[in-house]
Amino acid sequence: MELSRRRILRLGMLGMAGAALGGTASCSTSASGGSSAGGNALDLWYWADGLSKKVVDEAITRFTEVELKPQQIGGNFKEKLVTTMSSGGEFIPDITGIKGEDFASFTPQSDRFLNLLDLGAGSIADQYLPWKWKKGMTKDGKLIGFPIDIGPTAMFYRRDVFAEAGLPSEPAAVAAQMSTWEDYFAAGVELKKARADAFMISETWAVFNLIVGQGTARYVDENERFIGDQDHIRRAWDLATSTIALGINAKSQANTPDWNAGLTSGSLSTLTGAAWAAIDIKSAAAGTAGKWGVAAGPGGAANIGGSFLAIPKECAKPDVAFKIISWILSPENQARGFTDSALFPSTPATYTAPALTAPDPFFGGQITTEVFGPSAEKIPVQYESPNDQAVSAPFQTELTNVESSGKDPNAAWADAVAEAKKIGQRLGLS
């Protein structure tokens, strides 16, 4: 069964599917050519819920100087885009989405896209979160990705379970008591004492991946040197694996029957994840409406998910294409994207829009943007190498071995680092 994008994001398998631009892929697309093939048409490629369809449909009637032809591309979007751009010719879209987890793999071939700064993007840069804007840029200062959405993180928790265990249950008090990972884990131990079947952590990798995302460095630095053996990664490892020894880890993978049952019963009492995880919780535990809260998460802010729009160099009408992009992703229309497709805006001005300030009955009438908005503005700028995902894979493998097979965490760490270094050497990392 094909993994959903949300499941892939939760697992941290970001950007590992599909080939890099210029490589090979097994499938193709039958999309018709846009302005790159001549004529007055502009093709826009995106995936289901990648943009607000209502906004896109309105753009068709708004920009009458061209024939905008939006297409929702199913299946492996990255693979189809790579195949089409690698083959050249008339089928390359004029505007295309790029999923955030795939973006770094396109940056080595940034010359295949137009620099949006040359089209006037700099004049509206202040409307977007600085870290997200920078994430769409190449190391040499070109902007090839225009911000769509983001995935700011926080803590989802069961108010009723916390209250029964004698823990704070209001968002501000929860955030104050559990501001660090160590304090969060300590609360998990107290919860376990009060309710033997209750767990604070869903799975080890989710904690590890989030902690890595809270820092300014990942596995590879801007000089393409492997740094996955350094203290910032080891700290994330030690914190994540400690949840097993503390007995607060449910060892339950997201979107599985056990995970769903845990959210419903309250045995899985918290999730630390992105804003879009609210949809997963509402779907998995529909009968728990009103019992949940959202608080600032332990350890600080991070981002999981979020995508971009880009203009391939073959676009014959780049000025119009940029007008379309900047209108679709304006602060006003990002509010519509949130309402229509649960796309959390990359434009801070949108956070005060009515669509984002309505109380959410599922979360006890809480205005959750009051948590996710500040989180979004505190997310650190991280450099993500095109090789980042490849060298991170052994860490996930070995954390699974610790969690499911009882492997010694220190031995697993040594094996993860050794394998990551081998992969890095094959990729040419220093």
Protein backbone atom coordinates (compact mmCIF):
# COMPACT_ATOMS: atom_id res chain seq x y z
CA MET A 1 0.00 0.00 0.00
CA GLU A 2 1.35 3.44 -0.93
CA LEU A 3 2.34 5.61 2.02
CA SER A 4 0.49 8.87 2.41
CA ARG A 5 2.56 12.05 2.31
CA ARG A 6 1.73 12.74 5.93
CA ARG A 7 2.92 9.25 6.87
CA ILE A 8 6.18 9.83 4.95
CA LEU A 9 6.68 13.14 6.74
CA ARG A 10 6.07 11.52 10.13
CA LEU A 11 8.56 8.78 9.35
CA GLY A 12 11.16 11.28 8.25
CA MET A 13 11.60 9.55 4.88
CA LEU A 14 11.72 12.99 3.30
CA GLY A 15 12.94 13.18 -0.25
CA MET A 16 14.05 9.54 -0.40
CA ALA A 17 11.54 8.50 -3.04
CA GLY A 18 12.18 9.33 -6.69
CA ALA A 19 15.32 10.29 -8.53
CA ALA A 20 17.21 13.57 -8.49
CA LEU A 21 16.72 15.92 -11.40
CA GLY A 22 18.74 14.68 -14.31
CA GLY A 23 18.52 11.05 -13.15
CA THR A 24 16.25 8.31 -14.37
CA ALA A 25 12.70 7.45 -13.44
CA SER A 26 10.29 4.79 -14.47
CA CYS A 27 7.13 6.70 -15.25
CA SER A 28 6.14 9.57 -17.47
CA THR A 29 3.26 11.97 -17.85
CA SER A 30 0.88 12.71 -20.64
CA ALA A 31 0.39 16.36 -19.69
CA SER A 32 -0.07 18.73 -22.59
CA GLY A 33 2.48 21.45 -23.20
CA GLY A 34 2.00 25.01 -22.03
CA SER A 35 3.70 28.20 -23.20
CA SER A 36 7.00 26.35 -23.47
CA ALA A 37 5.42 24.62 -26.45
CA GLY A 38 4.16 27.90 -27.90
CA GLY A 39 0.72 29.44 -27.83
CA ASN A 40 -0.97 31.32 -25.02
CA ALA A 41 -1.35 28.51 -22.47
CA LEU A 42 0.38 28.27 -19.10
CA ASP A 43 0.46 24.85 -17.45
CA LEU A 44 0.42 24.71 -13.64
CA TRP A 45 1.27 21.41 -12.00
CA TYR A 46 0.39 20.66 -8.39
CA TRP A 47 -0.91 17.75 -6.32
CA ALA A 48 -4.25 17.24 -4.59
CA ASP A 49 -4.60 19.77 -1.75
CA GLY A 50 -1.21 21.26 -2.64
CA LEU A 51 -3.03 24.53 -3.32
CA SER A 52 -6.57 25.77 -2.77
CA LYS A 53 -8.48 24.58 -5.82
CA LYS A 54 -10.92 27.45 -5.38
CA VAL A 55 -8.09 29.98 -5.56
CA VAL A 56 -6.54 28.24 -8.56
CA ASP A 57 -9.90 28.19 -10.35
CA GLU A 58 -10.32 31.90 -9.67
CA ALA A 59 -6.86 32.55 -11.11
CA ILE A 60 -8.05 31.06 -14.41
CA THR A 61 -10.67 33.78 -14.78
CA ARG A 62 -8.52 36.53 -13.25
CA PHE A 63 -5.48 36.25 -15.51
CA THR A 64 -7.13 36.40 -18.90
CA GLU A 65 -3.97 37.42 -20.76
CA VAL A 66 -3.07 33.71 -20.76
CA GLU A 67 -4.92 30.43 -20.71
CA LEU A 68 -4.02 29.02 -17.30
CA LYS A 69 -4.28 25.24 -17.36
CA PRO A 70 -3.98 23.77 -13.84
CA GLN A 71 -3.41 20.04 -13.51
CA GLN A 72 -3.44 17.96 -10.35
CA ILE A 73 -0.76 15.35 -10.95
CA GLY A 74 -1.41 12.07 -9.15
CA GLY A 75 1.04 9.41 -8.02
CA ASN A 76 4.70 10.21 -7.33
CA PHE A 77 4.76 13.92 -8.14
CA LYS A 78 8.52 14.32 -7.84
CA GLU A 79 9.22 11.37 -10.09
CA LYS A 80 6.91 12.65 -12.80
CA LEU A 81 8.35 16.15 -12.62
CA VAL A 82 11.92 14.83 -12.77
CA THR A 83 11.12 12.59 -15.73
CA THR A 84 9.44 15.38 -17.66
CA MET A 85 12.14 17.98 -17.00
CA SER A 86 14.93 15.53 -17.76
CA SER A 87 13.43 14.56 -21.12
CA GLY A 88 12.98 18.20 -22.18
CA GLY A 89 10.59 19.12 -24.94
CA GLU A 90 7.12 20.57 -24.92
CA PHE A 91 5.62 18.90 -21.87
CA ILE A 92 7.52 20.81 -19.17
CA PRO A 93 5.03 22.79 -17.02
CA ASP A 94 5.32 26.58 -16.86
CA ILE A 95 4.67 26.64 -13.12
CA THR A 96 5.20 23.64 -10.84
CA GLY A 97 4.89 22.73 -7.21
CA ILE A 98 7.88 21.26 -5.39
CA LYS A 99 7.22 19.47 -2.12
CA GLY A 100 9.31 20.71 0.75
CA GLU A 101 10.83 17.30 1.43
CA ASP A 102 12.05 17.20 -2.19
CA PHE A 103 13.25 20.77 -2.54
CA ALA A 104 16.90 20.23 -1.55
CA SER A 105 17.30 17.58 -4.24
CA PHE A 106 16.46 20.16 -6.92
CA THR A 107 18.92 22.84 -5.79
CA PRO A 108 22.00 21.35 -7.54
CA GLN A 109 20.14 21.95 -10.82
CA SER A 110 18.86 25.39 -9.93
CA ASP A 111 19.68 26.61 -13.44
CA ARG A 112 16.66 24.61 -14.63
CA PHE A 113 14.44 27.17 -12.84
CA LEU A 114 14.08 30.93 -13.09
CA ASN A 115 15.40 33.15 -10.33
CA LEU A 116 12.21 34.69 -8.96
CA LEU A 117 14.17 37.68 -7.67
CA ASP A 118 14.70 38.68 -11.31
CA LEU A 119 10.90 38.78 -11.65
CA GLY A 120 10.35 41.11 -8.71
CA ALA A 121 9.95 38.70 -5.80
CA GLY A 122 12.19 40.80 -3.59
CA SER A 123 9.57 43.55 -3.36
CA ILE A 124 7.18 41.25 -1.46
CA ALA A 125 9.69 39.22 0.55
CA ASP A 126 8.64 40.91 3.79
CA GLN A 127 5.18 39.33 3.53
CA TYR A 128 6.66 35.85 4.12
CA LEU A 129 8.41 34.19 7.04
CA PRO A 130 12.16 34.89 6.65
CA TRP A 131 13.23 31.31 7.35
CA LYS A 132 10.77 29.92 4.78
CA TRP A 133 11.84 32.50 2.20
CA LYS A 134 15.49 31.56 2.72
CA LYS A 135 14.62 27.87 2.44
CA GLY A 136 13.50 28.54 -1.15
CA MET A 137 16.91 29.97 -2.04
CA THR A 138 20.08 28.38 -3.35
CA LYS A 139 23.48 28.84 -1.73
CA ASP A 140 24.41 31.41 -4.36
CA GLY A 141 21.40 33.58 -3.56
CA LYS A 142 18.84 32.63 -6.21
CA LEU A 143 15.19 32.28 -5.19
CA ILE A 144 13.78 29.30 -7.08
CA GLY A 145 11.02 28.29 -4.65
CA PHE A 146 8.13 30.61 -3.73
CA PRO A 147 6.62 29.76 -0.30
CA ILE A 148 3.34 27.87 -0.19
CA ASP A 149 2.72 26.42 3.28
CA ILE A 150 4.63 25.42 6.40
CA GLY A 151 4.35 22.86 9.21
CA PRO A 152 5.02 24.60 12.56
CA THR A 153 5.14 22.19 15.48
CA ALA A 154 3.55 22.11 18.94
CA MET A 155 2.26 19.58 21.47
CA PHE A 156 -1.20 18.04 21.11
CA TYR A 157 -2.36 16.60 24.43
CA ARG A 158 -5.41 15.06 26.11
CA ARG A 159 -6.75 17.60 28.60
CA ASP A 160 -8.82 14.99 30.45
CA VAL A 161 -5.96 12.51 30.84
CA PHE A 162 -3.60 15.21 32.12
CA ALA A 163 -6.17 16.46 34.62
CA GLU A 164 -6.85 12.96 35.95
CA ALA A 165 -3.10 12.46 36.46
CA GLY A 166 -2.73 15.71 38.36
CA LEU A 167 -0.85 17.43 35.54
CA PRO A 168 -1.77 20.92 34.29
CA SER A 169 -4.43 20.84 31.61
CA GLU A 170 -4.60 24.43 30.33
CA PRO A 171 -2.26 25.23 27.38
CA ALA A 172 -0.21 27.97 29.06
CA ALA A 173 0.36 25.90 32.20
CA VAL A 174 1.25 22.81 30.17
CA ALA A 175 3.78 24.77 28.13
CA ALA A 176 5.32 26.29 31.26
CA GLN A 177 5.80 22.95 33.05
CA MET A 178 7.00 21.05 29.97
CA SER A 179 9.15 23.61 28.18
CA THR A 180 12.20 21.34 27.94
CA TRP A 181 12.40 17.75 26.73
CA GLU A 182 13.65 16.66 30.14
CA ASP A 183 10.65 18.28 31.86
CA TYR A 184 8.31 16.79 29.27
CA PHE A 185 9.71 13.32 29.93
CA ALA A 186 9.45 13.85 33.68
CA ALA A 187 5.78 14.67 33.24
CA GLY A 188 5.47 11.46 31.25
CA VAL A 189 6.84 9.50 34.21
CA GLU A 190 4.30 11.16 36.53
CA LEU A 191 1.54 10.35 34.04
CA LYS A 192 2.63 6.72 33.97
CA LYS A 193 2.43 6.51 37.75
CA ALA A 194 -1.15 7.78 37.68
CA ARG A 195 -2.26 5.68 34.73
CA ALA A 196 -0.27 2.57 33.94
CA ASP A 197 -1.40 2.30 30.32
CA ALA A 198 -0.66 5.95 29.43
CA PHE A 199 2.32 6.97 27.31
CA MET A 200 3.70 10.42 26.60
CA ILE A 201 5.68 9.46 23.46
CA SER A 202 4.40 7.74 20.32
CA GLU A 203 7.71 6.54 18.84
CA THR A 204 11.42 7.22 19.16
CA TRP A 205 12.06 8.49 15.64
CA ALA A 206 9.37 11.17 15.95
CA VAL A 207 11.15 12.63 19.00
CA PHE A 208 14.62 12.38 17.43
CA ASN A 209 13.56 13.94 14.12
CA LEU A 210 11.81 16.83 15.85
CA ILE A 211 14.77 17.60 18.11
CA VAL A 212 17.07 17.68 15.08
CA GLY A 213 14.63 20.11 13.46
CA GLN A 214 14.82 22.46 16.43
CA GLY A 215 18.46 23.29 15.84
CA THR A 216 20.33 25.27 13.21
CA ALA A 217 22.38 22.32 11.92
CA ARG A 218 21.40 18.95 10.51
CA TYR A 219 23.56 16.11 9.15
CA VAL A 220 25.52 17.98 6.47
CA ASP A 221 26.88 21.54 6.62
CA GLU A 222 26.96 24.17 3.87
CA ASN A 223 30.43 23.00 2.82
CA GLU A 224 28.95 19.53 2.20
CA ARG A 225 30.75 17.98 5.14
CA PHE A 226 29.12 15.22 7.16
CA ILE A 227 28.39 16.46 10.70
CA GLY A 228 25.96 13.75 11.79
CA ASP A 229 28.45 12.47 14.34
CA GLN A 230 28.54 15.75 16.25
CA ASP A 231 27.01 16.70 19.59
CA HIS A 232 23.76 18.19 18.25
CA ILE A 233 22.78 14.86 16.68
CA ARG A 234 24.04 12.81 19.61
CA ARG A 235 21.97 14.91 22.01
CA ALA A 236 18.85 14.22 19.95
CA TRP A 237 19.74 10.52 19.97
CA ASP A 238 20.24 10.32 23.73
CA LEU A 239 17.03 12.19 24.49
CA ALA A 240 14.98 10.07 22.10
CA THR A 241 16.32 6.73 23.30
CA SER A 242 15.88 7.70 26.95
CA THR A 243 12.11 7.52 26.45
CA ILE A 244 12.38 3.75 26.18
CA ALA A 245 14.27 3.35 29.45
CA LEU A 246 11.80 5.70 31.16
CA GLY A 247 8.87 3.55 30.02
CA ILE A 248 7.00 6.48 28.45
CA ASN A 249 7.30 5.38 24.82
CA ALA A 250 4.28 3.64 23.26
CA LYS A 251 6.37 2.33 20.33
CA SER A 252 3.38 3.07 18.11
CA GLN A 253 3.85 4.19 14.53
CA ALA A 254 1.60 6.93 13.22
CA ASN A 255 -1.63 6.09 11.39
CA THR A 256 -1.59 2.44 12.44
CA PRO A 257 -4.54 0.76 14.25
CA ASP A 258 -2.63 0.81 17.56
CA TRP A 259 -1.87 4.51 17.15
CA ASN A 260 -5.49 5.31 16.36
CA ALA A 261 -6.70 3.26 19.34
CA GLY A 262 -4.23 4.99 21.65
CA LEU A 263 -5.45 8.44 20.64
CA THR A 264 -9.04 7.37 21.19
CA SER A 265 -8.54 5.72 24.58
CA GLY A 266 -6.08 8.29 25.89
CA SER A 267 -3.29 5.75 26.36
CA LEU A 268 -1.38 7.84 23.82
CA SER A 269 -1.90 11.13 25.57
CA THR A 270 0.32 13.51 23.59
CA LEU A 271 1.77 14.01 20.13
CA THR A 272 4.51 16.47 19.28
CA GLY A 273 4.03 17.32 15.64
CA ALA A 274 3.12 19.80 12.92
CA ALA A 275 -0.10 21.80 12.67
CA TRP A 276 -1.41 19.46 9.99
CA ALA A 277 -1.34 16.56 12.48
CA ALA A 278 -4.60 17.98 13.86
CA ILE A 279 -6.36 16.49 10.84
CA ASP A 280 -4.88 13.07 11.59
CA ILE A 281 -6.00 13.25 15.23
CA LYS A 282 -9.51 14.34 14.31
CA SER A 283 -9.76 11.49 11.82
CA ALA A 284 -8.26 8.81 14.07
CA ALA A 285 -10.11 9.81 17.25
CA ALA A 286 -13.29 11.53 16.10
CA GLY A 287 -15.11 10.61 19.31
CA THR A 288 -12.70 12.59 21.49
CA ALA A 289 -13.79 16.06 20.38
CA GLY A 290 -13.35 18.64 23.12
CA LYS A 291 -10.84 16.55 25.05
CA TRP A 292 -7.72 17.84 23.32
CA GLY A 293 -5.54 20.90 23.77
CA VAL A 294 -2.53 22.40 21.99
CA ALA A 295 0.47 23.85 23.81
CA ALA A 296 3.90 25.09 22.80
CA GLY A 297 6.05 22.00 22.46
CA PRO A 298 9.12 21.06 24.48
CA GLY A 299 12.49 22.23 23.27
CA GLY A 300 11.33 25.00 20.96
CA ALA A 301 9.90 25.34 17.47
CA ALA A 302 10.56 23.25 14.38
CA ASN A 303 9.02 22.74 10.97
CA ILE A 304 7.73 19.53 9.39
CA GLY A 305 6.43 19.83 5.83
CA GLY A 306 5.53 22.75 3.61
CA SER A 307 6.08 23.28 -0.12
CA PHE A 308 6.94 25.73 -2.91
CA LEU A 309 5.98 26.90 -6.39
CA ALA A 310 8.69 27.28 -9.03
CA ILE A 311 8.95 28.44 -12.65
CA PRO A 312 11.01 26.19 -14.97
CA LYS A 313 13.32 28.08 -17.33
CA GLU A 314 11.29 26.90 -20.35
CA CYS A 315 8.35 29.11 -19.35
CA ALA A 316 7.73 31.53 -22.24
CA LYS A 317 5.71 34.02 -20.15
CA PRO A 318 7.61 34.26 -16.84
CA ASP A 319 6.29 37.71 -15.90
CA VAL A 320 2.70 36.51 -16.09
CA ALA A 321 3.60 33.23 -14.38
CA PHE A 322 5.08 35.17 -11.46
CA LYS A 323 2.00 37.39 -11.22
CA ILE A 324 -0.09 34.24 -10.94
CA ILE A 325 2.17 32.69 -8.30
CA SER A 326 2.33 35.80 -6.13
CA TRP A 327 -1.46 36.25 -6.32
CA ILE A 328 -2.28 32.62 -5.50
CA LEU A 329 0.06 32.76 -2.50
CA SER A 330 -0.77 36.25 -1.27
CA PRO A 331 -1.62 36.59 2.45
CA GLU A 332 -5.32 36.88 1.63
CA ASN A 333 -5.36 33.76 -0.50
CA GLN A 334 -3.26 31.79 1.97
CA ALA A 335 -6.14 32.19 4.40
CA ARG A 336 -8.33 30.50 1.81
CA GLY A 337 -5.71 27.78 1.40
CA PHE A 338 -5.95 27.10 5.12
CA THR A 339 -9.73 26.84 4.97
CA ASP A 340 -9.88 24.79 1.77
CA SER A 341 -6.86 22.49 2.10
CA ALA A 342 -5.49 22.89 5.67
CA LEU A 343 -2.34 24.59 4.34
CA PHE A 344 -0.80 26.50 7.25
CA PRO A 345 0.19 29.93 5.86
CA SER A 346 3.76 31.09 5.30
CA THR A 347 2.52 34.70 5.61
CA PRO A 348 2.37 35.96 9.23
CA ALA A 349 -0.26 38.60 8.41
CA THR A 350 -2.67 35.76 7.71
CA TYR A 351 -2.54 34.53 11.31
CA THR A 352 -5.03 37.19 12.38
CA ALA A 353 -7.51 36.41 9.58
CA PRO A 354 -10.95 35.13 10.66
CA ALA A 355 -10.25 31.72 9.11
CA LEU A 356 -7.36 31.22 11.52
CA THR A 357 -8.77 32.83 14.64
CA ALA A 358 -11.99 30.85 14.98
CA PRO A 359 -12.21 28.65 18.11
CA ASP A 360 -11.82 24.96 17.35
CA PRO A 361 -14.42 22.83 19.18
CA PHE A 362 -12.29 19.70 18.83
CA PHE A 363 -9.59 21.40 20.90
CA GLY A 364 -11.95 22.60 23.60
CA GLY A 365 -12.74 25.86 21.84
CA GLN A 366 -9.07 26.83 21.72
CA ILE A 367 -7.76 29.17 19.01
CA THR A 368 -4.87 26.92 18.01
CA THR A 369 -3.23 29.53 15.76
CA GLU A 370 -2.31 31.37 18.96
CA VAL A 371 0.11 28.48 19.53
CA PHE A 372 1.13 27.62 15.97
CA GLY A 373 1.56 31.25 14.86
CA PRO A 374 4.29 32.09 17.41
CA SER A 375 5.86 28.69 16.73
CA ALA A 376 6.01 29.51 13.01
CA GLU A 377 7.87 32.73 13.66
CA LYS A 378 10.50 31.06 15.88
CA ILE A 379 11.52 28.23 13.53
CA PRO A 380 15.31 28.26 13.04
CA VAL A 381 16.98 28.60 9.66
CA GLN A 382 18.53 25.25 8.73
CA TYR A 383 20.67 24.35 5.76
CA GLU A 384 19.37 21.15 4.19
CA SER A 385 21.84 19.47 1.86
CA PRO A 386 20.70 17.47 -1.19
CA ASN A 387 22.44 14.57 0.60
CA ASP A 388 20.84 15.17 3.99
CA GLN A 389 18.12 12.55 3.69
CA ALA A 390 20.43 9.83 2.44
CA VAL A 391 22.83 10.14 5.39
CA SER A 392 20.00 10.41 7.90
CA ALA A 393 18.49 7.06 6.90
CA PRO A 394 20.84 4.89 9.05
CA PHE A 395 19.80 6.85 12.14
CA GLN A 396 16.17 5.94 11.56
CA THR A 397 17.10 2.31 10.94
CA GLU A 398 19.11 2.04 14.11
CA LEU A 399 16.54 3.85 16.25
CA THR A 400 14.03 1.28 15.05
CA ASN A 401 16.45 -1.46 16.12
CA VAL A 402 16.68 0.08 19.58
CA GLU A 403 12.92 0.48 19.87
CA SER A 404 11.72 -2.82 18.41
CA SER A 405 14.63 -5.19 19.02
CA GLY A 406 16.16 -3.88 22.23
CA LYS A 407 19.53 -3.05 20.65
CA ASP A 408 21.91 -1.19 22.95
CA PRO A 409 21.58 2.55 22.18
CA ASN A 410 25.34 3.13 22.21
CA ALA A 411 26.01 0.26 19.83
CA ALA A 412 23.18 1.43 17.61
CA TRP A 413 24.61 4.96 17.57
CA ALA A 414 28.03 3.68 16.53
CA ASP A 415 26.50 1.62 13.73
CA ALA A 416 24.33 4.52 12.54
CA VAL A 417 27.30 6.90 12.36
CA ALA A 418 29.49 4.34 10.60
CA GLU A 419 26.86 3.61 7.95
CA ALA A 420 26.05 7.30 7.48
CA LYS A 421 29.74 8.03 6.90
CA LYS A 422 29.93 5.26 4.29
CA ILE A 423 26.94 6.73 2.48
CA GLY A 424 28.46 10.20 2.73
CA GLN A 425 31.73 9.01 1.22
CA ARG A 426 29.89 7.46 -1.72
CA LEU A 427 28.09 10.77 -2.24
CA GLY A 428 31.33 12.73 -2.14
CA LEU A 429 30.91 14.36 1.25
CA SER A 430 34.04 15.39 3.06
